[in-house]
Each structure stands twice: as structure tokens, then as C-alpha cells.
Amino acid sequence: MRPAELKLELPEIPRKRYFAIGEVSELCDVKPHVLRYWEQEFPQLKPVKRRGNRRYYQHDDVMMVRRIRSLLYEQGFTIGGARLRMKENPKGLVEAVRAAPPALLPEPAVRAEPAPRRNSEIRSLRTELESLLKLLPER
């Protein structure tokens, strides 16, 4: 799927306890066979299975599918890269903060540290990073 084909806005998730695979498919703009494949690739995605092996996704599962979709389709991760990202940050806190409107984010704490000290720390960090870069092999 190319970025031009992606929907910009996904529909709001209804307040229900369980969703069938077809509903999740529509809510996340992903085909059902892709959802079944992602269940194999992402151990965190475990919908409840009931009679006849029917899948029932809960709200958290739908949010996880949307996160996986974003990592793969919008951010360009491979399956392996998205799996690592999900393992490193299971709740998606970084993406949630980035997506939150500025009005909902807490006000940043004002640093009482004087600017010259901060600048010297920044210079020190930069020097250290540059020395680390020299240790890396060139491409």
C-alpha cells in the first residue's frame, strides 16, 4: 500500500467491549488477512478466540493494530523493526505524546539553571558525541 492510498483519518473507535475481525478491519483500514498475519508476527496482539475459532478484539487490541499499522505504513518500518519498536515501547507512549495536541500536554518545568552552565554542558556533550562518532566505521 502506497502512502497516497492511506486514509488520513481513521474512524473513532466505538465504546464496545469486543469487536469482530471485520469491524477491526474497517476501524484500522487493514484487511482481515493482514490482521491474522500480524497476530503471528506480533506476540502482543492476542485477540480472544471463542467458538469456532472466531476472533474478538478488545479496545486495547484495536489501538495496538492502529499502532502497528502506523509503524508499518506511515513510518516505514519493516515487520522486524516494528516488532522491535513494539517490544521496546509496548504502550506506545512516545507516539501518544507526539500525537497529543499541545493543550493536553503538561507545561514544561522551567529550569532554574543559568544559561552559561547549560551551554557548557551542551558543548561537553557535543564533544563527547563527536569523539564517539570518530570511533564508528565510516560508511
Protein backbone atom coordinates (compact mmCIF):
# COMPACT_ATOMS: atom_id res chain seq x y z
CA MET A 1 0.00 0.00 0.00
CA ARG A 2 1.46 3.36 -1.01
CA PRO A 3 1.16 6.42 1.27
CA ALA A 4 -1.20 8.14 -1.20
CA GLU A 5 -3.68 5.28 -0.72
CA LEU A 6 -3.74 5.59 3.07
CA LYS A 7 -6.69 7.23 4.75
CA LEU A 8 -5.67 10.29 6.71
CA GLU A 9 -8.28 9.95 9.44
CA LEU A 10 -9.32 6.63 10.91
CA PRO A 11 -12.84 6.42 12.35
CA GLU A 12 -13.40 6.81 16.07
CA ILE A 13 -13.43 3.55 17.99
CA PRO A 14 -16.92 2.85 19.37
CA ARG A 15 -17.37 2.17 23.07
CA LYS A 16 -17.85 -1.60 22.95
CA ARG A 17 -16.16 -4.44 24.74
CA TYR A 18 -15.50 -6.72 21.75
CA PHE A 19 -15.01 -6.19 18.04
CA ALA A 20 -15.18 -8.80 15.28
CA ILE A 21 -12.29 -9.02 12.83
CA GLY A 22 -14.38 -7.31 10.14
CA GLU A 23 -15.05 -4.34 12.41
CA VAL A 24 -11.37 -4.02 13.32
CA SER A 25 -10.54 -4.23 9.64
CA GLU A 26 -12.76 -1.22 8.93
CA LEU A 27 -11.69 0.74 12.04
CA CYS A 28 -8.00 0.33 11.20
CA ASP A 29 -8.18 0.29 7.38
CA VAL A 30 -6.43 -3.09 7.23
CA LYS A 31 -7.70 -6.24 5.51
CA PRO A 32 -8.69 -9.20 7.75
CA HIS A 33 -5.97 -11.48 6.32
CA VAL A 34 -3.38 -8.85 7.27
CA LEU A 35 -4.73 -8.80 10.84
CA ARG A 36 -4.41 -12.59 11.04
CA TYR A 37 -0.83 -12.33 9.73
CA TRP A 38 0.05 -9.62 12.27
CA GLU A 39 -1.20 -11.91 15.07
CA GLN A 40 1.57 -14.34 14.08
CA GLU A 41 4.23 -11.62 13.81
CA PHE A 42 3.43 -9.54 16.91
CA PRO A 43 3.15 -11.60 20.11
CA GLN A 44 1.46 -8.66 21.89
CA LEU A 45 -1.55 -8.91 19.57
CA LYS A 46 -3.69 -11.69 21.04
CA PRO A 47 -7.42 -11.33 20.40
CA VAL A 48 -9.75 -13.54 22.41
CA LYS A 49 -10.80 -16.63 20.43
CA ARG A 50 -14.22 -18.08 21.02
CA ARG A 51 -16.47 -20.70 19.48
CA GLY A 52 -15.40 -21.76 16.01
CA ASN A 53 -12.04 -20.00 16.43
CA ARG A 54 -13.72 -16.61 15.94
CA ARG A 55 -11.56 -13.67 16.94
CA TYR A 56 -12.83 -10.95 19.23
CA TYR A 57 -10.64 -7.89 19.64
CA GLN A 58 -10.85 -5.60 22.65
CA HIS A 59 -10.27 -1.84 22.65
CA ASP A 60 -6.56 -2.25 23.52
CA ASP A 61 -6.16 -4.69 20.63
CA VAL A 62 -7.68 -2.17 18.21
CA MET A 63 -5.31 0.52 19.49
CA MET A 64 -2.38 -1.88 19.06
CA VAL A 65 -3.44 -2.68 15.49
CA ARG A 66 -3.55 1.04 14.75
CA ARG A 67 -0.08 1.44 16.22
CA ILE A 68 1.30 -1.46 14.18
CA ARG A 69 -0.36 0.00 11.08
CA SER A 70 1.23 3.38 11.76
CA LEU A 71 4.68 1.86 12.26
CA LEU A 72 4.47 -0.19 9.05
CA TYR A 73 2.50 2.00 6.65
CA GLU A 74 3.12 5.57 7.80
CA GLN A 75 6.55 5.44 9.46
CA GLY A 76 8.02 2.91 7.03
CA PHE A 77 9.22 0.26 9.49
CA THR A 78 9.73 -3.34 8.39
CA ILE A 79 7.89 -6.09 10.27
CA GLY A 80 11.07 -6.81 12.25
CA GLY A 81 11.66 -3.15 13.01
CA ALA A 82 8.06 -2.63 14.08
CA ARG A 83 8.28 -5.75 16.28
CA LEU A 84 11.38 -4.32 17.98
CA ARG A 85 9.72 -0.93 18.44
CA MET A 86 6.67 -2.58 19.98
CA LYS A 87 8.93 -4.61 22.31
CA GLU A 88 10.95 -1.54 23.37
CA ASN A 89 7.91 0.66 23.92
CA PRO A 90 4.89 -1.61 24.44
CA LYS A 91 2.44 1.13 25.35
CA GLY A 92 3.44 3.50 22.56
CA LEU A 93 3.94 6.36 24.99
CA VAL A 94 6.27 8.29 22.71
CA GLU A 95 3.85 8.14 19.78
CA ALA A 96 0.94 9.06 22.05
CA VAL A 97 2.76 12.14 23.32
CA ARG A 98 3.75 13.16 19.78
CA ALA A 99 0.15 12.80 18.62
CA ALA A 100 -1.38 14.65 21.58
CA PRO A 101 -2.46 18.23 20.97
CA PRO A 102 -0.16 20.70 22.76
CA ALA A 103 -3.01 21.85 25.00
CA LEU A 104 -3.22 18.37 26.54
CA LEU A 105 0.49 18.10 27.33
CA PRO A 106 1.74 19.27 30.72
CA GLU A 107 3.61 22.54 30.86
CA PRO A 108 7.37 22.00 30.75
CA ALA A 109 9.17 22.66 34.03
CA VAL A 110 11.16 25.87 33.98
CA ARG A 111 14.82 25.16 34.57
CA ALA A 112 16.41 27.38 37.17
CA GLU A 113 19.85 26.55 35.84
CA PRO A 114 21.72 29.56 34.42
CA ALA A 115 22.25 29.59 30.64
CA PRO A 116 26.10 29.59 30.72
CA ARG A 117 26.19 26.33 32.68
CA ARG A 118 23.69 24.73 30.32
CA ASN A 119 25.72 25.86 27.32
CA SER A 120 28.92 24.39 28.74
CA GLU A 121 27.11 21.07 29.36
CA ILE A 122 25.85 21.08 25.79
CA ARG A 123 29.37 21.77 24.48
CA SER A 124 30.74 18.95 26.63
CA LEU A 125 28.11 16.52 25.37
CA ARG A 126 28.73 17.56 21.78
CA THR A 127 32.48 16.99 22.15
CA GLU A 128 31.84 13.56 23.66
CA LEU A 129 29.44 12.62 20.86
CA GLU A 130 31.89 13.77 18.19
CA SER A 131 34.63 11.62 19.73
CA LEU A 132 32.25 8.64 19.72
CA LEU A 133 31.45 9.26 16.05
CA LYS A 134 35.15 9.04 15.21
CA LEU A 135 35.22 5.54 16.70
CA LEU A 136 32.48 4.30 14.37
CA PRO A 137 33.49 2.84 10.99
CA GLU A 138 32.72 5.08 8.03
CA ARG A 139 30.12 4.01 5.50
